[in-house]
Amino acid sequence: MNKLRIGLSVLLVSLTLSGCFDLGKDDEVKVGKGEPPGTIGTGLDSDSDGISDDNDNCPLLSNEDQENTDSDSMGNVCDDDDDGDGVLDSDDSFPLDSTETTDNDNDGIGDNSDTDDDNDGFLDTVDAFPYDDTEYNDHDGDGIGDHADTDDDQDGVLDGDDAFPFDDTESADYDGDGVGDNSDTDDDNDGTLDSEDDFPNDDTESTDTDGDGIGNNADTDDDDDGVLDGDDAFPLDENEQSDLDGDGVGDNSDTDRDGDSVANEDDAFPDDGNRSAVSGGGVKGPMAFATVSLYEIDYTADDYQGF
């Protein structure tokens, strides 16, 4: 019984070996059932690419060229990071270039070597937003590009209302002369310096004599004395309104209002230049040439000796 078992075992081994080895020639031995002719190495060739599994950098994926860009243990066809730059091929715009991974503007030049990554015409070295082709400047440095920023100089005045949107020291230019009101010495360009102008932002007004908030040009009573400017001989002097003798001195301060050379205090008619009778019945001044009917005396200036 034991001899029978030994015989069967030998027969089984013989049959197994006869299926794996072709001993037709002593110098031609093929290892691995089903390997194609010319297989490199010994053993199985699972992917039938002519490279035995023990020499194949991708034993389960056919790659006859055995390309291996990063020279690691896996060929490119089975390596998920062919260039070994730490970025998966699926996320790598340049999977076979370890110096590049992205191409922001899709111009075929990697961002590391591209001098204008967003292709907006501004070199990356001067572009505040090198990966955004809609922005390139950030005047106030707030992280918002000037195109999207509604207050580029961050002065609190929206660009749409700011005459100088890129100057945080200026926001208005009343007279449109290109000089901001903060530095302009004559904001309304009316010829009167702001320091002397009661209305520095109104080119139709510069003075407010009575301080009532209405400029003299529009005010009908500039000195606020109750007499309209049209009737006031001194519209800018609240202490004077008339000048009877037209000598430029207001009647309130003129010592001879009627200009007859007789002081008001001595003149019986201080507001009448044609009469100037004084106490005692005498007549002085120009009336000496006239006939005074009160005394029924005719005399001329040559006869007048005074009193």
Protein backbone atom coordinates (compact mmCIF):
# COMPACT_ATOMS: atom_id res chain seq x y z
CA MET A 1 0.00 0.00 0.00
CA ASN A 2 2.86 2.39 0.84
CA LYS A 3 4.57 1.61 -2.45
CA LEU A 4 1.41 2.49 -4.29
CA ARG A 5 1.25 5.92 -2.56
CA ILE A 6 4.90 6.68 -3.40
CA GLY A 7 4.29 5.77 -7.01
CA LEU A 8 1.30 8.05 -7.32
CA SER A 9 3.24 10.98 -5.75
CA VAL A 10 6.12 10.58 -8.18
CA LEU A 11 3.69 10.44 -11.09
CA LEU A 12 1.92 13.60 -9.86
CA VAL A 13 5.20 15.54 -9.54
CA SER A 14 6.26 14.37 -12.95
CA LEU A 15 3.03 15.56 -14.53
CA THR A 16 3.30 18.95 -12.77
CA LEU A 17 6.87 19.53 -13.90
CA SER A 18 6.12 18.48 -17.44
CA GLY A 19 3.61 21.37 -17.65
CA CYS A 20 6.16 23.97 -16.49
CA PHE A 21 9.38 23.01 -18.21
CA ASP A 22 10.20 22.32 -21.81
CA LEU A 23 13.39 20.35 -21.77
CA GLY A 24 13.66 20.09 -25.51
CA LYS A 25 17.03 22.02 -25.39
CA ASP A 26 19.42 22.22 -22.48
CA ASP A 27 20.13 25.98 -23.05
CA GLU A 28 16.49 27.19 -23.44
CA VAL A 29 14.45 27.33 -20.28
CA LYS A 30 11.19 29.35 -20.03
CA VAL A 31 9.86 30.14 -16.60
CA GLY A 32 6.23 31.01 -16.04
CA LYS A 33 3.37 29.55 -17.90
CA GLY A 34 1.91 31.87 -20.54
CA GLU A 35 4.86 34.39 -20.68
CA PRO A 36 5.40 35.88 -24.14
CA PRO A 37 8.66 35.21 -25.96
CA GLY A 38 11.49 37.59 -24.95
CA THR A 39 10.29 38.15 -21.38
CA ILE A 40 12.88 40.06 -19.30
CA GLY A 41 13.71 38.43 -16.02
CA THR A 42 12.34 35.30 -14.54
CA GLY A 43 8.95 34.61 -13.06
CA LEU A 44 5.44 35.70 -13.95
CA ASP A 45 4.53 38.63 -16.22
CA SER A 46 1.11 39.57 -14.86
CA ASP A 47 0.53 42.49 -17.22
CA SER A 48 2.00 40.76 -20.29
CA ASP A 49 4.20 43.72 -21.18
CA GLY A 50 7.33 41.62 -21.68
CA ILE A 51 8.74 42.54 -18.28
CA SER A 52 8.53 39.91 -15.59
CA ASP A 53 6.85 41.03 -12.40
CA ASP A 54 10.09 40.97 -10.41
CA ASN A 55 11.64 43.54 -12.81
CA ASP A 56 8.48 45.49 -13.70
CA ASN A 57 7.98 48.90 -12.01
CA CYS A 58 4.26 48.47 -12.65
CA PRO A 59 3.70 44.70 -12.61
CA LEU A 60 -0.07 44.98 -12.90
CA LEU A 61 -0.20 47.69 -15.59
CA SER A 62 1.40 47.22 -18.98
CA ASN A 63 4.28 49.65 -19.57
CA GLU A 64 6.87 48.29 -21.92
CA ASP A 65 8.91 51.51 -21.81
CA GLN A 66 9.08 51.37 -17.99
CA GLU A 67 9.03 55.20 -17.89
CA ASN A 68 9.64 56.49 -14.37
CA THR A 69 10.03 60.28 -14.31
CA ASP A 70 10.85 60.64 -10.64
CA SER A 71 12.97 57.46 -10.52
CA ASP A 72 11.09 56.04 -7.61
CA SER A 73 9.95 52.44 -7.30
CA MET A 74 6.83 52.94 -9.43
CA GLY A 75 6.58 53.61 -13.14
CA ASN A 76 4.52 56.51 -14.37
CA VAL A 77 1.50 54.42 -15.35
CA CYS A 78 0.98 53.31 -11.78
CA ASP A 79 2.51 56.30 -9.94
CA ASP A 80 -0.04 58.89 -8.80
CA ASP A 81 2.69 61.55 -8.55
CA ASP A 82 4.91 61.02 -11.59
CA ASP A 83 7.29 63.91 -10.95
CA GLY A 84 7.47 63.36 -7.19
CA ASP A 85 6.72 67.02 -6.37
CA GLY A 86 4.12 66.21 -3.73
CA VAL A 87 1.18 67.15 -5.93
CA LEU A 88 -0.96 64.33 -7.29
CA ASP A 89 -0.95 64.05 -11.06
CA SER A 90 -4.70 64.65 -11.06
CA ASP A 91 -4.10 68.09 -9.51
CA ASP A 92 -0.84 68.85 -11.29
CA SER A 93 -0.88 70.98 -14.46
CA PHE A 94 2.63 69.71 -15.13
CA PRO A 95 2.65 66.10 -13.83
CA LEU A 96 6.05 65.37 -15.41
CA ASP A 97 7.76 68.59 -14.24
CA SER A 98 8.74 68.70 -10.60
CA THR A 99 9.39 72.49 -10.81
CA GLU A 100 5.83 73.35 -11.83
CA THR A 101 2.38 72.40 -10.61
CA THR A 102 0.00 75.19 -11.65
CA ASP A 103 -0.74 77.37 -14.68
CA ASN A 104 -3.15 80.08 -13.52
CA ASP A 105 -3.69 81.68 -16.91
CA ASN A 106 -3.55 78.43 -18.89
CA ASP A 107 -0.92 79.79 -21.24
CA GLY A 108 1.19 76.62 -21.05
CA ILE A 109 3.82 78.29 -18.88
CA GLY A 110 3.94 77.20 -15.26
CA ASP A 111 3.35 79.87 -12.67
CA ASN A 112 6.85 79.48 -11.23
CA SER A 113 8.44 80.59 -14.47
CA ASP A 114 5.59 82.75 -15.85
CA THR A 115 6.25 86.46 -15.23
CA ASP A 116 2.55 87.34 -15.58
CA ASP A 117 0.56 84.54 -14.01
CA ASP A 118 -2.87 86.04 -14.62
CA ASN A 119 -1.99 87.38 -18.06
CA ASP A 120 -3.48 90.83 -17.27
CA GLY A 121 -0.57 92.75 -18.73
CA PHE A 122 0.99 93.57 -15.36
CA LEU A 123 4.11 91.70 -14.30
CA ASP A 124 3.72 89.68 -11.13
CA THR A 125 6.40 91.85 -9.49
CA VAL A 126 4.14 94.91 -9.69
CA ASP A 127 0.77 93.15 -9.49
CA ALA A 128 -0.89 93.20 -6.07
CA PHE A 129 -3.11 90.35 -7.30
CA PRO A 130 -0.88 88.22 -9.57
CA TYR A 131 -3.48 85.45 -9.86
CA ASP A 132 -6.50 87.70 -10.50
CA ASP A 133 -6.79 89.15 -13.98
CA THR A 134 -9.51 91.56 -12.83
CA GLU A 135 -7.28 93.27 -10.26
CA TYR A 136 -3.70 94.48 -10.06
CA ASN A 137 -3.69 97.37 -7.57
CA ASP A 138 -4.73 97.87 -3.94
CA HIS A 139 -4.13 101.54 -3.18
CA ASP A 140 -5.14 101.47 0.47
CA GLY A 141 -3.70 98.02 1.17
CA ASP A 142 -6.94 96.67 2.60
CA GLY A 143 -6.77 93.45 0.59
CA ILE A 144 -9.55 94.53 -1.76
CA GLY A 145 -8.52 95.40 -5.30
CA ASP A 146 -9.22 98.94 -6.45
CA HIS A 147 -11.72 97.75 -9.05
CA ALA A 148 -13.89 96.13 -6.41
CA ASP A 149 -13.10 98.51 -3.55
CA THR A 150 -15.72 101.25 -3.16
CA ASP A 151 -13.34 103.47 -1.16
CA ASP A 152 -9.88 103.10 -2.68
CA ASP A 153 -8.11 105.59 -0.41
CA GLN A 154 -10.08 104.57 2.69
CA ASP A 155 -10.84 108.17 3.66
CA GLY A 156 -14.46 107.44 4.47
CA VAL A 157 -15.75 109.00 1.26
CA LEU A 158 -17.00 106.59 -1.41
CA ASP A 159 -15.10 106.76 -4.69
CA GLY A 160 -18.24 107.87 -6.50
CA ASP A 161 -18.40 110.96 -4.28
CA ASP A 162 -14.65 111.50 -3.97
CA ALA A 163 -12.97 114.01 -6.31
CA PHE A 164 -9.65 112.40 -5.34
CA PRO A 165 -10.40 108.67 -4.85
CA PHE A 166 -6.70 107.79 -4.52
CA ASP A 167 -5.76 110.60 -2.10
CA ASP A 168 -6.80 110.11 1.49
CA THR A 169 -6.00 113.76 2.31
CA GLU A 170 -8.49 115.15 -0.23
CA SER A 171 -12.05 114.36 -1.22
CA ALA A 172 -13.51 117.58 -2.65
CA ASP A 173 -12.59 120.18 -5.26
CA TYR A 174 -15.30 122.84 -5.08
CA ASP A 175 -14.02 125.03 -7.89
CA GLY A 176 -12.84 122.15 -10.09
CA ASP A 177 -9.35 123.57 -10.47
CA GLY A 178 -7.67 120.23 -9.77
CA VAL A 179 -6.50 121.33 -6.33
CA GLY A 180 -8.25 119.68 -3.40
CA ASP A 181 -10.10 121.98 -1.03
CA ASN A 182 -7.88 121.01 1.89
CA SER A 183 -4.82 122.45 0.18
CA ASP A 184 -6.56 125.05 -2.03
CA THR A 185 -6.27 128.56 -0.55
CA ASP A 186 -9.32 129.77 -2.51
CA ASP A 187 -11.80 126.92 -2.67
CA ASP A 188 -14.49 128.75 -4.62
CA ASN A 189 -12.02 130.58 -6.86
CA ASP A 190 -13.77 133.91 -6.31
CA GLY A 191 -10.54 135.82 -5.76
CA THR A 192 -10.96 136.02 -1.99
CA LEU A 193 -8.72 133.77 0.07
CA ASP A 194 -10.58 131.24 2.19
CA SER A 195 -9.10 132.79 5.32
CA GLU A 196 -10.83 136.07 4.46
CA ASP A 197 -13.95 134.62 2.82
CA ASP A 198 -17.10 134.30 4.90
CA PHE A 199 -18.37 131.87 2.27
CA PRO A 200 -15.29 129.92 1.07
CA ASN A 201 -17.42 127.46 -0.86
CA ASP A 202 -19.70 129.98 -2.52
CA ASP A 203 -18.25 131.89 -5.43
CA THR A 204 -21.20 134.33 -5.39
CA GLU A 205 -20.53 135.47 -1.83
CA SER A 206 -17.50 136.42 0.21
CA THR A 207 -18.74 138.81 2.91
CA ASP A 208 -21.45 138.83 5.57
CA THR A 209 -21.19 142.23 7.22
CA ASP A 210 -23.93 141.76 9.80
CA GLY A 211 -23.11 138.10 10.44
CA ASP A 212 -26.65 136.95 9.83
CA GLY A 213 -25.57 134.07 7.61
CA ILE A 214 -26.73 135.80 4.45
CA GLY A 215 -24.01 137.06 2.14
CA ASN A 216 -24.03 140.74 1.33
CA ASN A 217 -24.83 140.08 -2.32
CA ALA A 218 -28.08 138.43 -1.35
CA ASP A 219 -28.80 140.37 1.87
CA THR A 220 -31.11 143.38 1.38
CA ASP A 221 -29.91 144.99 4.62
CA ASP A 222 -26.20 144.27 4.87
CA ASP A 223 -25.58 146.17 8.12
CA ASP A 224 -28.85 145.05 9.69
CA ASP A 225 -29.72 148.61 10.78
CA GLY A 226 -33.31 148.38 9.65
CA VAL A 227 -32.76 150.50 6.54
CA LEU A 228 -32.71 148.65 3.24
CA ASP A 229 -29.45 148.90 1.37
CA GLY A 230 -31.20 150.73 -1.48
CA ASP A 231 -32.16 153.53 0.90
CA ASP A 232 -29.04 153.44 3.05
CA ALA A 233 -26.22 155.86 2.22
CA PHE A 234 -23.97 153.62 4.31
CA PRO A 235 -25.28 150.07 3.75
CA LEU A 236 -22.29 148.53 5.49
CA ASP A 237 -22.35 150.82 8.54
CA GLU A 238 -25.05 150.11 11.07
CA ASN A 239 -24.42 153.49 12.73
CA GLU A 240 -25.12 155.56 9.62
CA GLN A 241 -27.91 155.63 7.07
CA SER A 242 -27.88 159.14 5.54
CA ASP A 243 -25.50 161.83 4.33
CA LEU A 244 -27.51 165.03 3.87
CA ASP A 245 -24.72 167.12 2.42
CA GLY A 246 -23.14 164.26 0.48
CA ASP A 247 -19.72 164.87 1.95
CA GLY A 248 -19.13 161.20 2.69
CA VAL A 249 -19.60 161.69 6.42
CA GLY A 250 -22.74 160.16 7.86
CA ASP A 251 -25.19 162.54 9.40
CA ASN A 252 -24.90 160.87 12.81
CA SER A 253 -21.24 161.78 13.03
CA ASP A 254 -21.17 164.88 10.76
CA THR A 255 -20.91 168.12 12.83
CA ASP A 256 -22.41 170.10 9.94
CA ARG A 257 -25.05 167.90 8.42
CA ASP A 258 -26.34 170.38 5.88
CA GLY A 259 -22.90 171.58 4.86
CA ASP A 260 -23.70 175.28 5.33
CA SER A 261 -20.60 175.88 7.41
CA VAL A 262 -22.69 176.37 10.52
CA ALA A 263 -22.20 173.69 13.12
CA ASN A 264 -25.29 171.71 13.86
CA GLU A 265 -25.36 172.95 17.44
CA ASP A 266 -25.40 176.58 16.27
CA ASP A 267 -27.67 176.06 13.30
CA ALA A 268 -31.39 176.66 13.76
CA PHE A 269 -31.86 174.60 10.60
CA PRO A 270 -29.09 171.93 10.75
CA ASP A 271 -30.79 169.84 8.11
CA ASP A 272 -31.43 172.71 5.69
CA GLY A 273 -28.46 174.05 3.83
CA ASN A 274 -30.46 177.06 2.64
CA ARG A 275 -31.26 178.35 6.12
CA SER A 276 -29.02 178.85 9.06
CA ALA A 277 -30.48 181.52 11.34
CA VAL A 278 -28.78 181.71 14.69
CA SER A 279 -29.85 183.19 18.04
CA GLY A 280 -30.01 187.04 18.04
CA GLY A 281 -31.51 187.22 14.57
CA GLY A 282 -28.19 187.28 12.81
CA VAL A 283 -27.52 185.40 9.61
CA LYS A 284 -24.30 183.63 8.85
CA GLY A 285 -22.89 181.78 5.94
CA PRO A 286 -24.15 181.82 2.37
CA MET A 287 -27.44 183.43 3.43
CA ALA A 288 -25.51 186.65 3.90
CA PHE A 289 -25.99 187.19 0.19
CA ALA A 290 -29.78 187.03 0.48
CA THR A 291 -32.44 189.42 1.60
CA VAL A 292 -33.69 188.66 5.08
CA SER A 293 -37.27 189.79 5.17
CA LEU A 294 -37.49 189.30 8.89
CA TYR A 295 -35.64 192.55 9.47
CA GLU A 296 -36.48 194.18 6.17
CA ILE A 297 -32.83 195.00 5.73
CA ASP A 298 -31.08 194.69 2.39
CA TYR A 299 -27.39 194.07 2.47
CA THR A 300 -24.69 192.37 0.57
CA ALA A 301 -21.76 190.32 1.65
CA ASP A 302 -19.59 193.41 1.52
CA ASP A 303 -21.88 195.17 3.99
CA TYR A 304 -21.97 192.21 6.34
CA GLN A 305 -19.76 192.77 9.36
CA GLY A 306 -21.12 190.02 11.56
CA PHE A 307 -22.53 190.25 14.99
